[in-house]
Amino acid sequence: MKSVFNFLSDRTFRLKLIIILTVSILFFPVFSSSIEDDRFFPFIEKYPNGSIDWDSGIIYGIGRGYLHLNKNSENIAARAAQVIAAGNILKVASGVRLDDRRTLETLGKERVVIELKALVRYTVYRTEFIKNVKQPYYEVTLRAPLTGVEGLTSMLITKLKTVPLEWSNLPKPSDESVSDDEEKPWLVLDARNLPRKSLVRPAIFPKIISETGETLYETNKVDESALIKRGMAKYVVSDEPKEGLTSQNKSIDRILAEAGFLFLTDEAVAGDNEKRIKRKNYIVKDVKEAQGLMNTNLLISETDTRQLKSEDASSQILKQCRVIVIVSSPIGGVEGKIDRLLAKTSDVIR
């Protein structure tokens, strides 16, 4: 026993073991619960001339202006491409699902008069000149936010408040600030195991419903500021198993300290957590069924309902719209992985 103890106390051995542990943590990390983690990818709904990023909350519209159709003028072709992109981003926006029954297009056929041009605040995201082709052209990409003060959700809420009899369940304004506390949890609804004929489809105003028919999450149960800032749900795709989503992340220093190789004070560990971990806590629940005419509503079990109510009472996880939905792998016209520059950047490229 004494020889073993001496071997373990050897400084060279200890140093090698620390290096091995460090390399293992760096290259085989435990799950980091940041929404930006590469285990989550934006759910991209693709259209012929545009797309919707349901994670970042962005609508894209694309237009092309060919030189030979525009007097061989680059300026005219670029302007034509932007006009076409503007028309296409409105077409994409018109197909956005509001809830389980309506899209923006069908809403405009009801009592509500919708002028999409007034609701969709788009900007130029990218302009490219494609010249190494038989018919050179300009391609312009426009982008419009779904969330934020200038986003489509905010504009819709303002508009729909003018028809209170039709939309009596809109969110109520409050004086509470929108919490960005890293320690507050996010609800993750895992909808990857549903039958292909009943996959969840994203919407601006989805609902969470219990097996008994109780509505836990809808517009009149959330804070208006939180809804405008975050949207009611982020939609993502992921290959991470459910168990991995709930695992805890630890810093290298903490793991080494627990192994007896570092001696940290409580204050040092706390400071390390504040600087380097800042992880989000996920509460993962399974979606049992997608409901509604357009499969936008999310049914959860009665057990999960009770647990979620208890959590919401303490953290306001639902009221603050801290909801992520993992949908099934992409099929058909839906693509789950997109260039993160396209999905995240706010720069205008000209």
Protein backbone atom coordinates (compact mmCIF):
# COMPACT_ATOMS: atom_id res chain seq x y z
CA MET A 1 0.00 0.00 0.00
CA LYS A 2 2.83 2.37 0.82
CA SER A 3 4.45 1.89 -2.60
CA VAL A 4 1.14 2.54 -4.32
CA PHE A 5 0.69 5.72 -2.30
CA ASN A 6 4.17 6.90 -3.21
CA PHE A 7 3.47 6.19 -6.87
CA LEU A 8 0.27 8.21 -6.82
CA SER A 9 1.98 11.10 -5.07
CA ASP A 10 4.69 11.30 -7.70
CA ARG A 11 4.56 14.79 -9.22
CA THR A 12 5.26 13.55 -12.76
CA PHE A 13 2.39 11.09 -12.58
CA ARG A 14 0.04 13.73 -11.18
CA LEU A 15 0.97 16.16 -13.94
CA LYS A 16 0.38 13.55 -16.66
CA LEU A 17 -3.00 12.65 -15.18
CA ILE A 18 -4.04 16.29 -15.07
CA ILE A 19 -3.10 16.66 -18.75
CA ILE A 20 -5.08 13.51 -19.65
CA LEU A 21 -8.14 14.74 -17.72
CA THR A 22 -7.91 18.17 -19.31
CA VAL A 23 -7.61 16.81 -22.85
CA SER A 24 -10.52 14.42 -22.23
CA ILE A 25 -12.75 17.24 -21.04
CA LEU A 26 -11.81 19.47 -23.96
CA PHE A 27 -12.33 16.87 -26.67
CA PHE A 28 -15.11 14.82 -25.06
CA PRO A 29 -17.06 17.49 -23.18
CA VAL A 30 -20.19 16.92 -21.16
CA PHE A 31 -23.23 18.65 -22.51
CA SER A 32 -23.21 22.43 -22.42
CA SER A 33 -26.72 23.73 -22.06
CA SER A 34 -26.21 26.92 -24.00
CA ILE A 35 -28.84 27.49 -26.69
CA GLU A 36 -25.94 28.36 -29.00
CA ASP A 37 -24.42 24.91 -28.48
CA ASP A 38 -23.77 22.96 -31.66
CA ARG A 39 -26.07 20.20 -30.45
CA PHE A 40 -28.92 22.54 -31.33
CA PHE A 41 -29.43 23.75 -34.89
CA PRO A 42 -32.03 26.21 -36.13
CA PHE A 43 -35.17 24.69 -37.61
CA ILE A 44 -35.33 26.21 -41.09
CA GLU A 45 -38.59 26.12 -43.00
CA LYS A 46 -37.75 26.51 -46.68
CA TYR A 47 -39.84 28.06 -49.43
CA PRO A 48 -39.10 28.41 -53.17
CA ASN A 49 -37.76 31.96 -52.75
CA GLY A 50 -37.07 32.31 -49.05
CA SER A 51 -37.06 30.67 -45.64
CA ILE A 52 -37.92 31.09 -41.97
CA ASP A 53 -35.41 30.51 -39.19
CA TRP A 54 -37.64 29.48 -36.27
CA ASP A 55 -34.76 29.55 -33.79
CA SER A 56 -33.49 33.07 -34.33
CA GLY A 57 -36.89 34.31 -35.46
CA ILE A 58 -35.99 35.62 -38.92
CA ILE A 59 -37.80 35.56 -42.28
CA TYR A 60 -35.69 35.63 -45.45
CA GLY A 61 -36.75 36.55 -48.98
CA ILE A 62 -34.55 36.16 -52.07
CA GLY A 63 -34.80 37.89 -55.44
CA ARG A 64 -32.77 37.77 -58.66
CA GLY A 65 -32.33 40.46 -61.26
CA TYR A 66 -30.81 39.26 -64.54
CA LEU A 67 -28.72 41.68 -66.56
CA HIS A 68 -30.10 40.57 -69.92
CA LEU A 69 -33.64 41.30 -68.70
CA ASN A 70 -32.68 44.72 -67.34
CA LYS A 71 -30.99 46.53 -70.23
CA ASN A 72 -27.67 44.90 -69.27
CA SER A 73 -27.44 47.45 -66.47
CA GLU A 74 -26.03 46.31 -63.13
CA ASN A 75 -27.81 49.10 -61.25
CA ILE A 76 -31.19 48.29 -62.78
CA ALA A 77 -30.69 44.55 -62.25
CA ALA A 78 -29.77 45.11 -58.58
CA ARG A 79 -32.89 47.24 -58.03
CA ALA A 80 -35.03 44.65 -59.79
CA ALA A 81 -33.61 41.90 -57.57
CA GLN A 82 -34.51 43.88 -54.46
CA VAL A 83 -38.07 44.48 -55.67
CA ILE A 84 -38.49 40.75 -56.36
CA ALA A 85 -36.98 39.88 -52.96
CA ALA A 86 -39.44 42.25 -51.28
CA GLY A 87 -42.34 40.48 -52.96
CA ASN A 88 -40.97 37.09 -51.99
CA ILE A 89 -40.42 37.94 -48.33
CA LEU A 90 -44.06 39.02 -48.15
CA LYS A 91 -45.12 35.74 -49.76
CA VAL A 92 -43.12 33.78 -47.17
CA ALA A 93 -44.57 35.90 -44.35
CA SER A 94 -48.11 35.32 -45.60
CA GLY A 95 -47.67 31.59 -44.99
CA VAL A 96 -46.52 32.00 -41.39
CA ARG A 97 -48.79 30.04 -39.04
CA LEU A 98 -50.30 32.20 -36.32
CA ASP A 99 -51.89 29.37 -34.34
CA ASP A 100 -53.44 25.98 -34.99
CA ARG A 101 -56.04 27.39 -37.40
CA ARG A 102 -54.75 30.48 -39.15
CA THR A 103 -51.91 31.80 -41.24
CA LEU A 104 -51.35 35.47 -42.00
CA GLU A 105 -52.88 34.87 -45.42
CA THR A 106 -56.08 33.31 -44.08
CA LEU A 107 -56.29 35.89 -41.31
CA GLY A 108 -56.53 38.56 -44.00
CA LYS A 109 -59.66 36.85 -45.31
CA GLU A 110 -61.42 37.25 -41.98
CA ARG A 111 -62.61 40.48 -40.36
CA VAL A 112 -59.03 41.53 -39.73
CA VAL A 113 -57.61 43.62 -42.56
CA ILE A 114 -53.95 42.71 -42.89
CA GLU A 115 -51.48 44.83 -44.84
CA LEU A 116 -48.30 42.79 -44.79
CA LYS A 117 -46.18 45.67 -46.05
CA ALA A 118 -46.98 47.53 -42.84
CA LEU A 119 -46.22 44.53 -40.61
CA VAL A 120 -43.03 43.14 -42.16
CA ARG A 121 -40.06 45.41 -41.47
CA TYR A 122 -37.36 44.08 -43.74
CA THR A 123 -33.79 45.20 -44.42
CA VAL A 124 -31.18 44.19 -46.99
CA TYR A 125 -29.13 41.34 -45.61
CA ARG A 126 -26.95 40.47 -48.60
CA THR A 127 -26.39 41.57 -52.19
CA GLU A 128 -24.31 39.39 -54.54
CA PHE A 129 -23.38 39.70 -58.18
CA ILE A 130 -23.19 36.27 -59.80
CA LYS A 131 -21.16 36.69 -62.98
CA ASN A 132 -19.59 33.30 -63.74
CA VAL A 133 -22.79 31.93 -65.27
CA LYS A 134 -24.38 32.04 -68.71
CA GLN A 135 -26.80 34.77 -67.66
CA PRO A 136 -25.21 36.97 -64.93
CA TYR A 137 -27.53 38.29 -62.25
CA TYR A 138 -27.78 40.09 -58.95
CA GLU A 139 -29.17 38.18 -55.99
CA VAL A 140 -30.57 40.16 -53.08
CA THR A 141 -31.53 38.60 -49.75
CA LEU A 142 -33.83 40.52 -47.44
CA ARG A 143 -34.48 39.66 -43.81
CA ALA A 144 -37.30 40.55 -41.45
CA PRO A 145 -37.48 39.78 -37.71
CA LEU A 146 -40.24 37.72 -36.16
CA THR A 147 -39.33 38.90 -32.67
CA GLY A 148 -38.19 42.17 -31.11
CA VAL A 149 -39.86 45.57 -31.05
CA GLU A 150 -39.74 45.81 -34.85
CA GLY A 151 -40.63 42.16 -35.36
CA LEU A 152 -43.72 40.69 -36.97
CA THR A 153 -44.99 39.36 -33.63
CA SER A 154 -44.97 42.82 -32.07
CA MET A 155 -46.68 44.35 -35.10
CA LEU A 156 -49.32 41.62 -35.07
CA ILE A 157 -50.11 42.13 -31.39
CA THR A 158 -50.55 45.85 -31.96
CA LYS A 159 -52.78 45.21 -34.97
CA LEU A 160 -54.88 42.49 -33.36
CA LYS A 161 -55.63 44.64 -30.34
CA THR A 162 -57.85 46.69 -32.62
CA VAL A 163 -60.18 43.70 -32.97
CA PRO A 164 -60.66 42.64 -29.31
CA LEU A 165 -63.74 40.52 -29.92
CA GLU A 166 -61.82 38.27 -32.30
CA TRP A 167 -58.57 38.26 -30.29
CA SER A 168 -59.55 38.49 -26.63
CA ASN A 169 -56.70 36.21 -25.53
CA LEU A 170 -53.79 38.49 -26.37
CA PRO A 171 -50.99 38.86 -23.79
CA LYS A 172 -51.35 41.45 -21.08
CA PRO A 173 -48.70 44.17 -20.64
CA SER A 174 -46.91 44.21 -17.30
CA ASP A 175 -44.31 46.31 -15.51
CA GLU A 176 -42.08 43.28 -14.99
CA SER A 177 -38.74 43.20 -16.77
CA VAL A 178 -37.90 40.32 -19.07
CA SER A 179 -35.55 38.05 -17.13
CA ASP A 180 -32.29 36.97 -18.77
CA ASP A 181 -31.04 35.30 -15.58
CA GLU A 182 -28.77 32.43 -16.66
CA GLU A 183 -29.82 30.41 -13.63
CA LYS A 184 -33.49 30.43 -14.60
CA PRO A 185 -34.52 27.29 -16.50
CA TRP A 186 -35.72 26.81 -20.05
CA LEU A 187 -38.45 24.35 -20.91
CA VAL A 188 -37.40 21.97 -23.67
CA LEU A 189 -40.27 20.12 -25.35
CA ASP A 190 -38.92 17.09 -27.18
CA ALA A 191 -41.21 16.37 -30.14
CA ARG A 192 -38.87 14.11 -32.11
CA ASN A 193 -40.68 10.84 -31.50
CA LEU A 194 -44.02 11.68 -33.06
CA PRO A 195 -45.36 9.82 -36.13
CA ARG A 196 -44.31 11.39 -39.41
CA LYS A 197 -47.92 12.16 -40.31
CA SER A 198 -48.35 14.28 -37.20
CA LEU A 199 -45.08 16.19 -36.83
CA VAL A 200 -45.07 19.48 -34.95
CA ARG A 201 -45.21 22.57 -37.13
CA PRO A 202 -43.94 25.95 -35.87
CA ALA A 203 -46.30 28.83 -35.14
CA ILE A 204 -46.11 32.32 -33.69
CA PHE A 205 -48.73 31.51 -31.05
CA PRO A 206 -48.49 27.78 -30.18
CA LYS A 207 -50.21 26.24 -27.16
CA ILE A 208 -49.15 23.66 -24.59
CA ILE A 209 -52.05 21.43 -23.55
CA SER A 210 -52.35 18.69 -20.92
CA GLU A 211 -53.88 15.27 -21.52
CA THR A 212 -56.99 16.43 -19.66
CA GLY A 213 -57.48 19.29 -22.10
CA GLU A 214 -56.19 22.07 -19.84
CA THR A 215 -54.33 24.82 -21.71
CA LEU A 216 -51.11 25.58 -19.86
CA TYR A 217 -49.50 27.93 -22.33
CA GLU A 218 -51.17 30.43 -24.63
CA THR A 219 -50.98 34.13 -25.40
CA ASN A 220 -53.13 35.37 -22.51
CA LYS A 221 -50.91 33.51 -19.99
CA VAL A 222 -47.60 35.13 -20.96
CA ASP A 223 -45.95 38.48 -20.42
CA GLU A 224 -46.25 40.71 -23.48
CA SER A 225 -42.67 41.99 -23.24
CA ALA A 226 -41.29 38.46 -23.03
CA LEU A 227 -43.39 37.35 -26.00
CA ILE A 228 -42.19 40.27 -28.11
CA LYS A 229 -38.56 39.74 -27.15
CA ARG A 230 -38.32 35.93 -27.41
CA GLY A 231 -41.39 34.73 -29.23
CA MET A 232 -43.47 32.01 -27.62
CA ALA A 233 -41.07 29.25 -28.68
CA LYS A 234 -37.74 28.65 -30.36
CA TYR A 235 -37.81 25.68 -32.75
CA VAL A 236 -34.63 23.68 -33.20
CA VAL A 237 -33.40 20.28 -34.35
CA SER A 238 -30.94 18.13 -32.44
CA ASP A 239 -29.31 14.71 -32.47
CA GLU A 240 -28.63 14.91 -28.74
CA PRO A 241 -30.46 12.20 -26.76
CA LYS A 242 -32.90 13.35 -24.12
CA GLU A 243 -30.58 12.17 -21.34
CA GLY A 244 -27.78 14.37 -22.66
CA LEU A 245 -29.94 17.45 -22.52
CA THR A 246 -30.38 17.17 -18.77
CA SER A 247 -26.74 16.41 -17.87
CA GLN A 248 -24.81 19.01 -15.91
CA ASN A 249 -21.75 20.83 -17.20
CA LYS A 250 -18.68 21.27 -14.99
CA SER A 251 -15.61 23.40 -15.39
CA ILE A 252 -12.19 21.76 -15.76
CA ASP A 253 -11.04 23.29 -12.47
CA ARG A 254 -14.04 21.89 -10.59
CA ILE A 255 -13.55 18.37 -12.00
CA LEU A 256 -9.85 18.43 -11.13
CA ALA A 257 -10.61 19.79 -7.67
CA GLU A 258 -13.10 16.99 -7.06
CA ALA A 259 -10.43 14.51 -8.16
CA GLY A 260 -8.07 15.99 -5.56
CA PHE A 261 -5.63 17.64 -7.92
CA LEU A 262 -6.57 21.26 -7.26
CA PHE A 263 -7.34 22.94 -4.00
CA LEU A 264 -9.88 25.69 -4.57
CA THR A 265 -11.69 27.77 -2.00
CA ASP A 266 -15.45 28.09 -2.22
CA GLU A 267 -14.95 31.67 -3.35
CA ALA A 268 -12.66 30.61 -6.18
CA VAL A 269 -15.10 27.95 -7.37
CA ALA A 270 -17.96 30.44 -7.28
CA GLY A 271 -15.94 32.97 -9.25
CA ASP A 272 -15.03 30.31 -11.78
CA ASN A 273 -18.69 29.42 -12.24
CA GLU A 274 -19.66 33.03 -12.83
CA LYS A 275 -16.96 33.60 -15.42
CA ARG A 276 -16.92 30.37 -17.35
CA ILE A 277 -20.01 28.24 -16.92
CA LYS A 278 -23.07 30.51 -17.10
CA ARG A 279 -25.05 27.55 -18.33
CA LYS A 280 -28.78 27.36 -18.87
CA ASN A 281 -30.81 24.79 -17.01
CA TYR A 282 -33.06 22.66 -19.20
CA ILE A 283 -36.26 21.05 -18.03
CA VAL A 284 -37.01 18.43 -20.69
CA LYS A 285 -40.52 17.09 -21.32
CA ASP A 286 -41.80 14.78 -24.05
CA VAL A 287 -44.48 15.91 -26.47
CA LYS A 288 -47.09 13.17 -26.69
CA GLU A 289 -49.00 14.57 -29.65
CA ALA A 290 -49.22 17.55 -32.01
CA GLN A 291 -52.76 18.91 -32.05
CA GLY A 292 -54.83 21.46 -33.95
CA LEU A 293 -55.67 21.73 -37.62
CA MET A 294 -52.05 22.54 -38.43
CA ASN A 295 -50.31 20.46 -35.74
CA THR A 296 -49.00 23.49 -33.86
CA ASN A 297 -50.28 22.70 -30.36
CA LEU A 298 -48.18 20.53 -28.04
CA LEU A 299 -49.77 17.87 -25.82
CA ILE A 300 -47.87 16.74 -22.71
CA SER A 301 -48.63 14.12 -20.06
CA GLU A 302 -50.54 14.82 -16.87
CA THR A 303 -47.42 14.05 -14.80
CA ASP A 304 -45.38 16.55 -16.81
CA THR A 305 -48.24 19.02 -16.47
CA ARG A 306 -48.11 18.90 -12.68
CA GLN A 307 -44.33 19.28 -12.65
CA LEU A 308 -44.44 22.15 -15.12
CA LYS A 309 -47.07 24.00 -13.10
CA SER A 310 -44.92 23.71 -10.02
CA GLU A 311 -41.87 24.96 -11.90
CA ASP A 312 -43.78 27.85 -13.46
CA ALA A 313 -45.02 28.95 -10.04
CA SER A 314 -41.44 29.42 -8.88
CA SER A 315 -39.53 30.48 -12.00
CA GLN A 316 -42.26 31.80 -14.35
CA ILE A 317 -40.75 29.64 -17.05
CA LEU A 318 -43.94 29.87 -19.14
CA LYS A 319 -44.90 33.44 -18.38
CA GLN A 320 -41.41 34.53 -19.46
CA CYS A 321 -41.63 32.50 -22.72
CA ARG A 322 -38.55 30.42 -21.95
CA VAL A 323 -39.60 27.59 -24.28
CA ILE A 324 -37.64 25.55 -26.82
CA VAL A 325 -39.21 22.90 -29.05
CA ILE A 326 -37.04 20.18 -30.60
CA VAL A 327 -38.72 19.01 -33.77
CA SER A 328 -38.00 15.95 -35.89
CA SER A 329 -35.16 15.76 -38.37
CA PRO A 330 -35.90 17.70 -41.53
CA ILE A 331 -37.98 16.17 -44.31
CA GLY A 332 -39.36 17.52 -47.54
CA GLY A 333 -38.99 21.28 -47.79
CA VAL A 334 -37.55 21.75 -44.34
CA GLU A 335 -33.88 22.05 -43.58
CA GLY A 336 -32.50 21.84 -40.08
CA LYS A 337 -28.96 23.10 -40.46
CA ILE A 338 -28.12 26.49 -41.89
CA ASP A 339 -25.02 28.61 -42.16
CA ARG A 340 -24.90 30.18 -38.70
CA LEU A 341 -23.68 33.42 -40.26
CA LEU A 342 -26.94 33.59 -42.18
CA ALA A 343 -28.97 32.65 -39.15
CA LYS A 344 -27.34 34.86 -36.54
CA THR A 345 -25.63 37.89 -38.02
CA SER A 346 -27.30 41.28 -38.13
CA ASP A 347 -24.79 42.85 -40.49
CA VAL A 348 -25.94 44.17 -43.84
CA ILE A 349 -23.71 43.00 -46.66
CA ARG A 350 -23.73 45.09 -49.78
